[in-house]
Amino acid sequence: GIDVEVVQRPRVKGFQPLPKRWVI
């Protein structure tokens, strides 16, 4: 009963923080 969503990396060059990944 848990929706597991994989957070994809953006397709832009350079450093781009992933808001949901940044928490962990």
PDB file of all heavy atoms in Angstrom:
ATOM      1  N   GLY A   1       0.804  -1.221   0.000  1.00  0.00           N
ATOM      2  CA  GLY A   1       0.000   0.000   0.000  1.00  0.00           C
ATOM      3  C   GLY A   1       0.835   1.268   0.000  1.00  0.00           C
ATOM      4  O   GLY A   1       0.357   2.333   0.370  1.00  0.00           O
ATOM      5  N   ILE A   2       2.084   1.159  -0.421  1.00  0.00           N
ATOM      6  CA  ILE A   2       2.997   2.310  -0.459  1.00  0.00           C
ATOM      7  C   ILE A   2       3.393   2.572  -1.909  1.00  0.00           C
ATOM      8  O   ILE A   2       3.877   1.677  -2.598  1.00  0.00           O
ATOM      9  CB  ILE A   2       4.257   2.061   0.393  1.00  0.00           C
ATOM     10  CG1 ILE A   2       3.878   1.838   1.856  1.00  0.00           C
ATOM     11  CG2 ILE A   2       5.237   3.218   0.256  1.00  0.00           C
ATOM     12  CD1 ILE A   2       5.045   1.430   2.748  1.00  0.00           C
ATOM     13  N   ASP A   3       3.177   3.801  -2.350  1.00  0.00           N
ATOM     14  CA  ASP A   3       3.571   4.210  -3.695  1.00  0.00           C
ATOM     15  C   ASP A   3       5.038   4.628  -3.658  1.00  0.00           C
ATOM     16  O   ASP A   3       5.383   5.638  -3.057  1.00  0.00           O
ATOM     17  CB  ASP A   3       2.691   5.371  -4.158  1.00  0.00           C
ATOM     18  CG  ASP A   3       3.091   5.909  -5.518  1.00  0.00           C
ATOM     19  OD1 ASP A   3       3.663   5.151  -6.327  1.00  0.00           O
ATOM     20  OD2 ASP A   3       2.830   7.104  -5.775  1.00  0.00           O
ATOM     21  N   VAL A   4       5.915   3.829  -4.285  1.00  0.00           N
ATOM     22  CA  VAL A   4       7.342   4.144  -4.337  1.00  0.00           C
ATOM     23  C   VAL A   4       7.608   4.871  -5.651  1.00  0.00           C
ATOM     24  O   VAL A   4       7.391   4.320  -6.722  1.00  0.00           O
ATOM     25  CB  VAL A   4       8.210   2.873  -4.253  1.00  0.00           C
ATOM     26  CG1 VAL A   4       9.686   3.225  -4.342  1.00  0.00           C
ATOM     27  CG2 VAL A   4       7.914   2.114  -2.965  1.00  0.00           C
ATOM     28  N   GLU A   5       8.052   6.113  -5.544  1.00  0.00           N
ATOM     29  CA  GLU A   5       8.330   6.926  -6.727  1.00  0.00           C
ATOM     30  C   GLU A   5       9.831   7.191  -6.810  1.00  0.00           C
ATOM     31  O   GLU A   5      10.434   7.679  -5.860  1.00  0.00           O
ATOM     32  CB  GLU A   5       7.593   8.260  -6.645  1.00  0.00           C
ATOM     33  CG  GLU A   5       7.838   9.165  -7.829  1.00  0.00           C
ATOM     34  CD  GLU A   5       7.172  10.524  -7.666  1.00  0.00           C
ATOM     35  OE1 GLU A   5       6.113  10.592  -7.009  1.00  0.00           O
ATOM     36  OE2 GLU A   5       7.716  11.507  -8.191  1.00  0.00           O
ATOM     37  N   VAL A   6      10.417   6.860  -7.951  1.00  0.00           N
ATOM     38  CA  VAL A   6      11.838   7.098  -8.164  1.00  0.00           C
ATOM     39  C   VAL A   6      12.008   8.539  -8.648  1.00  0.00           C
ATOM     40  O   VAL A   6      11.393   8.952  -9.628  1.00  0.00           O
ATOM     41  CB  VAL A   6      12.424   6.111  -9.198  1.00  0.00           C
ATOM     42  CG1 VAL A   6      13.868   6.443  -9.508  1.00  0.00           C
ATOM     43  CG2 VAL A   6      12.306   4.685  -8.679  1.00  0.00           C
ATOM     44  N   VAL A   7      12.813   9.306  -7.919  1.00  0.00           N
ATOM     45  CA  VAL A   7      13.076  10.710  -8.272  1.00  0.00           C
ATOM     46  C   VAL A   7      14.148  10.720  -9.354  1.00  0.00           C
ATOM     47  O   VAL A   7      15.271  10.263  -9.131  1.00  0.00           O
ATOM     48  CB  VAL A   7      13.537  11.515  -7.030  1.00  0.00           C
ATOM     49  CG1 VAL A   7      13.845  12.949  -7.411  1.00  0.00           C
ATOM     50  CG2 VAL A   7      12.484  11.449  -5.947  1.00  0.00           C
ATOM     51  N   GLN A   8      13.781  11.219 -10.521  1.00  0.00           N
ATOM     52  CA  GLN A   8      14.706  11.259 -11.656  1.00  0.00           C
ATOM     53  C   GLN A   8      15.570  12.503 -11.603  1.00  0.00           C
ATOM     54  O   GLN A   8      15.136  13.562 -11.163  1.00  0.00           O
ATOM     55  CB  GLN A   8      13.926  11.238 -12.978  1.00  0.00           C
ATOM     56  CG  GLN A   8      13.075   9.998 -13.150  1.00  0.00           C
ATOM     57  CD  GLN A   8      13.895   8.726 -13.236  1.00  0.00           C
ATOM     58  OE1 GLN A   8      15.005   8.717 -13.742  1.00  0.00           O
ATOM     59  NE2 GLN A   8      13.343   7.639 -12.707  1.00  0.00           N
ATOM     60  N   ARG A   9      16.791  12.371 -12.080  1.00  0.00           N
ATOM     61  CA  ARG A   9      17.699  13.512 -12.169  1.00  0.00           C
ATOM     62  C   ARG A   9      17.280  14.393 -13.339  1.00  0.00           C
ATOM     63  O   ARG A   9      16.879  13.879 -14.380  1.00  0.00           O
ATOM     64  CB  ARG A   9      19.133  13.049 -12.381  1.00  0.00           C
ATOM     65  CG  ARG A   9      19.688  12.307 -11.189  1.00  0.00           C
ATOM     66  CD  ARG A   9      21.188  12.089 -11.374  1.00  0.00           C
ATOM     67  NE  ARG A   9      21.727  11.323 -10.283  1.00  0.00           N
ATOM     68  CZ  ARG A   9      22.114  11.842  -9.132  1.00  0.00           C
ATOM     69  NH1 ARG A   9      22.015  13.126  -8.932  1.00  0.00           N
ATOM     70  NH2 ARG A   9      22.591  11.076  -8.174  1.00  0.00           N
ATOM     71  N   PRO A  10      17.422  15.716 -13.188  1.00  0.00           N
ATOM     72  CA  PRO A  10      17.099  16.591 -14.320  1.00  0.00           C
ATOM     73  C   PRO A  10      18.112  16.408 -15.442  1.00  0.00           C
ATOM     74  O   PRO A  10      19.250  15.996 -15.213  1.00  0.00           O
ATOM     75  CB  PRO A  10      17.178  18.003 -13.728  1.00  0.00           C
ATOM     76  CG  PRO A  10      17.940  17.864 -12.467  1.00  0.00           C
ATOM     77  CD  PRO A  10      17.825  16.453 -12.004  1.00  0.00           C
ATOM     78  N   ARG A  11      17.718  16.714 -16.640  1.00  0.00           N
ATOM     79  CA  ARG A  11      18.564  16.512 -17.820  1.00  0.00           C
ATOM     80  C   ARG A  11      19.440  17.717 -18.130  1.00  0.00           C
ATOM     81  O   ARG A  11      19.959  17.832 -19.220  1.00  0.00           O
ATOM     82  CB  ARG A  11      17.689  16.199 -19.034  1.00  0.00           C
ATOM     83  CG  ARG A  11      16.800  15.000 -18.834  1.00  0.00           C
ATOM     84  CD  ARG A  11      17.327  13.832 -19.619  1.00  0.00           C
ATOM     85  NE  ARG A  11      16.427  12.697 -19.485  1.00  0.00           N
ATOM     86  CZ  ARG A  11      16.810  11.542 -19.006  1.00  0.00           C
ATOM     87  NH1 ARG A  11      18.047  11.370 -18.605  1.00  0.00           N
ATOM     88  NH2 ARG A  11      15.968  10.546 -18.921  1.00  0.00           N
ATOM     89  N   VAL A  12      19.620  18.630 -17.184  1.00  0.00           N
ATOM     90  CA  VAL A  12      20.446  19.816 -17.409  1.00  0.00           C
ATOM     91  C   VAL A  12      21.873  19.553 -16.958  1.00  0.00           C
ATOM     92  O   VAL A  12      22.131  18.695 -16.115  1.00  0.00           O
ATOM     93  CB  VAL A  12      19.871  21.052 -16.659  1.00  0.00           C
ATOM     94  CG1 VAL A  12      18.507  21.412 -17.207  1.00  0.00           C
ATOM     95  CG2 VAL A  12      19.803  20.807 -15.173  1.00  0.00           C
ATOM     96  N   LYS A  13      22.812  20.303 -17.520  1.00  0.00           N
ATOM     97  CA  LYS A  13      24.213  20.167 -17.131  1.00  0.00           C
ATOM     98  C   LYS A  13      24.470  20.888 -15.812  1.00  0.00           C
ATOM     99  O   LYS A  13      23.793  21.851 -15.476  1.00  0.00           O
ATOM    100  CB  LYS A  13      25.123  20.767 -18.204  1.00  0.00           C
ATOM    101  CG  LYS A  13      25.393  19.866 -19.359  1.00  0.00           C
ATOM    102  CD  LYS A  13      26.444  20.486 -20.248  1.00  0.00           C
ATOM    103  CE  LYS A  13      27.288  19.404 -20.860  1.00  0.00           C
ATOM    104  NZ  LYS A  13      28.420  19.942 -21.576  1.00  0.00           N
ATOM    105  N   GLY A  14      25.484  20.422 -15.105  1.00  0.00           N
ATOM    106  CA  GLY A  14      25.877  21.076 -13.861  1.00  0.00           C
ATOM    107  C   GLY A  14      25.145  20.514 -12.662  1.00  0.00           C
ATOM    108  O   GLY A  14      24.313  19.627 -12.758  1.00  0.00           O
ATOM    109  N   PHE A  15      25.479  21.076 -11.503  1.00  0.00           N
ATOM    110  CA  PHE A  15      24.898  20.619 -10.245  1.00  0.00           C
ATOM    111  C   PHE A  15      23.459  21.102 -10.136  1.00  0.00           C
ATOM    112  O   PHE A  15      23.166  22.283 -10.338  1.00  0.00           O
ATOM    113  CB  PHE A  15      25.710  21.139  -9.062  1.00  0.00           C
ATOM    114  CG  PHE A  15      25.102  20.795  -7.737  1.00  0.00           C
ATOM    115  CD1 PHE A  15      25.166  19.500  -7.251  1.00  0.00           C
ATOM    116  CD2 PHE A  15      24.454  21.752  -6.981  1.00  0.00           C
ATOM    117  CE1 PHE A  15      24.601  19.174  -6.026  1.00  0.00           C
ATOM    118  CE2 PHE A  15      23.893  21.440  -5.755  1.00  0.00           C
ATOM    119  CZ  PHE A  15      23.968  20.139  -5.283  1.00  0.00           C
ATOM    120  N   GLN A  16      22.572  20.207  -9.835  1.00  0.00           N
ATOM    121  CA  GLN A  16      21.162  20.528  -9.639  1.00  0.00           C
ATOM    122  C   GLN A  16      20.673  19.734  -8.436  1.00  0.00           C
ATOM    123  O   GLN A  16      20.508  18.522  -8.526  1.00  0.00           O
ATOM    124  CB  GLN A  16      20.379  20.146 -10.897  1.00  0.00           C
ATOM    125  CG  GLN A  16      18.960  20.619 -10.922  1.00  0.00           C
ATOM    126  CD  GLN A  16      18.846  22.092 -11.239  1.00  0.00           C
ATOM    127  OE1 GLN A  16      19.767  22.694 -11.751  1.00  0.00           O
ATOM    128  NE2 GLN A  16      17.721  22.673 -10.913  1.00  0.00           N
ATOM    129  N   PRO A  17      20.469  20.385  -7.275  1.00  0.00           N
ATOM    130  CA  PRO A  17      19.997  19.619  -6.113  1.00  0.00           C
ATOM    131  C   PRO A  17      18.592  19.078  -6.346  1.00  0.00           C
ATOM    132  O   PRO A  17      17.751  19.758  -6.923  1.00  0.00           O
ATOM    133  CB  PRO A  17      20.022  20.634  -4.969  1.00  0.00           C
ATOM    134  CG  PRO A  17      19.995  21.961  -5.624  1.00  0.00           C
ATOM    135  CD  PRO A  17      20.611  21.799  -6.977  1.00  0.00           C
ATOM    136  N   LEU A  18      18.374  17.860  -5.918  1.00  0.00           N
ATOM    137  CA  LEU A  18      17.061  17.241  -6.020  1.00  0.00           C
ATOM    138  C   LEU A  18      16.354  17.448  -4.684  1.00  0.00           C
ATOM    139  O   LEU A  18      16.768  16.884  -3.681  1.00  0.00           O
ATOM    140  CB  LEU A  18      17.196  15.751  -6.325  1.00  0.00           C
ATOM    141  CG  LEU A  18      18.011  15.400  -7.571  1.00  0.00           C
ATOM    142  CD1 LEU A  18      18.193  13.904  -7.680  1.00  0.00           C
ATOM    143  CD2 LEU A  18      17.354  15.961  -8.803  1.00  0.00           C
ATOM    144  N   PRO A  19      15.294  18.270  -4.647  1.00  0.00           N
ATOM    145  CA  PRO A  19      14.677  18.632  -3.365  1.00  0.00           C
ATOM    146  C   PRO A  19      14.304  17.440  -2.492  1.00  0.00           C
ATOM    147  O   PRO A  19      14.573  17.442  -1.302  1.00  0.00           O
ATOM    148  CB  PRO A  19      13.428  19.411  -3.787  1.00  0.00           C
ATOM    149  CG  PRO A  19      13.738  19.916  -5.148  1.00  0.00           C
ATOM    150  CD  PRO A  19      14.629  18.888  -5.780  1.00  0.00           C
ATOM    151  N   LYS A  20      13.698  16.420  -3.046  1.00  0.00           N
ATOM    152  CA  LYS A  20      13.280  15.282  -2.226  1.00  0.00           C
ATOM    153  C   LYS A  20      14.486  14.457  -1.789  1.00  0.00           C
ATOM    154  O   LYS A  20      14.527  13.930  -0.695  1.00  0.00           O
ATOM    155  CB  LYS A  20      12.281  14.439  -2.998  1.00  0.00           C
ATOM    156  CG  LYS A  20      10.975  15.174  -3.233  1.00  0.00           C
ATOM    157  CD  LYS A  20      10.066  14.406  -4.147  1.00  0.00           C
ATOM    158  CE  LYS A  20       8.784  15.139  -4.389  1.00  0.00           C
ATOM    159  NZ  LYS A  20       8.891  16.219  -5.334  1.00  0.00           N
ATOM    160  N   ARG A  21      15.476  14.321  -2.652  1.00  0.00           N
ATOM    161  CA  ARG A  21      16.682  13.555  -2.332  1.00  0.00           C
ATOM    162  C   ARG A  21      17.538  14.307  -1.314  1.00  0.00           C
ATOM    163  O   ARG A  21      18.226  13.696  -0.510  1.00  0.00           O
ATOM    164  CB  ARG A  21      17.464  13.301  -3.627  1.00  0.00           C
ATOM    165  CG  ARG A  21      18.765  12.606  -3.452  1.00  0.00           C
ATOM    166  CD  ARG A  21      18.598  11.130  -3.203  1.00  0.00           C
ATOM    167  NE  ARG A  21      19.915  10.528  -3.039  1.00  0.00           N
ATOM    168  CZ  ARG A  21      20.174   9.514  -2.282  1.00  0.00           C
ATOM    169  NH1 ARG A  21      19.216   8.922  -1.628  1.00  0.00           N
ATOM    170  NH2 ARG A  21      21.383   9.045  -2.179  1.00  0.00           N
ATOM    171  N   TRP A  22      17.487  15.621  -1.324  1.00  0.00           N
ATOM    172  CA  TRP A  22      18.309  16.430  -0.433  1.00  0.00           C
ATOM    173  C   TRP A  22      17.955  16.174   1.029  1.00  0.00           C
ATOM    174  O   TRP A  22      18.794  16.289   1.916  1.00  0.00           O
ATOM    175  CB  TRP A  22      18.157  17.907  -0.787  1.00  0.00           C
ATOM    176  CG  TRP A  22      19.223  18.738  -0.181  1.00  0.00           C
ATOM    177  CD1 TRP A  22      19.083  19.613   0.854  1.00  0.00           C
ATOM    178  CD2 TRP A  22      20.613  18.772  -0.529  1.00  0.00           C
ATOM    179  NE1 TRP A  22      20.294  20.186   1.166  1.00  0.00           N
ATOM    180  CE2 TRP A  22      21.250  19.680   0.322  1.00  0.00           C
ATOM    181  CE3 TRP A  22      21.368  18.107  -1.473  1.00  0.00           C
ATOM    182  CZ2 TRP A  22      22.595  19.949   0.255  1.00  0.00           C
ATOM    183  CZ3 TRP A  22      22.718  18.383  -1.546  1.00  0.00           C
ATOM    184  CH2 TRP A  22      23.313  19.290  -0.687  1.00  0.00           C
ATOM    185  N   VAL A  23      16.721  15.807   1.313  1.00  0.00           N
ATOM    186  CA  VAL A  23      16.292  15.549   2.689  1.00  0.00           C
ATOM    187  C   VAL A  23      17.124  14.425   3.299  1.00  0.00           C
ATOM    188  O   VAL A  23      17.651  14.559   4.403  1.00  0.00           O
ATOM    189  CB  VAL A  23      14.787  15.206   2.736  1.00  0.00           C
ATOM    190  CG1 VAL A  23      14.372  14.760   4.128  1.00  0.00           C
ATOM    191  CG2 VAL A  23      13.956  16.393   2.298  1.00  0.00           C
ATOM    192  N   ILE A  24      17.273  13.318   2.602  1.00  0.00           N
ATOM    193  CA  ILE A  24      18.027  12.180   3.150  1.00  0.00           C
ATOM    194  C   ILE A  24      19.520  12.495   3.197  1.00  0.00           C
ATOM    195  O   ILE A  24      20.209  12.091   4.130  1.00  0.00           O
ATOM    196  CB  ILE A  24      17.731  10.877   2.363  1.00  0.00           C
ATOM    197  CG1 ILE A  24      18.284   9.657   3.109  1.00  0.00           C
ATOM    198  CG2 ILE A  24      18.303  10.924   0.963  1.00  0.00           C
ATOM    199  CD1 ILE A  24      17.551   9.289   4.340  1.00  0.00           C
TER     200      ILE A  24
END
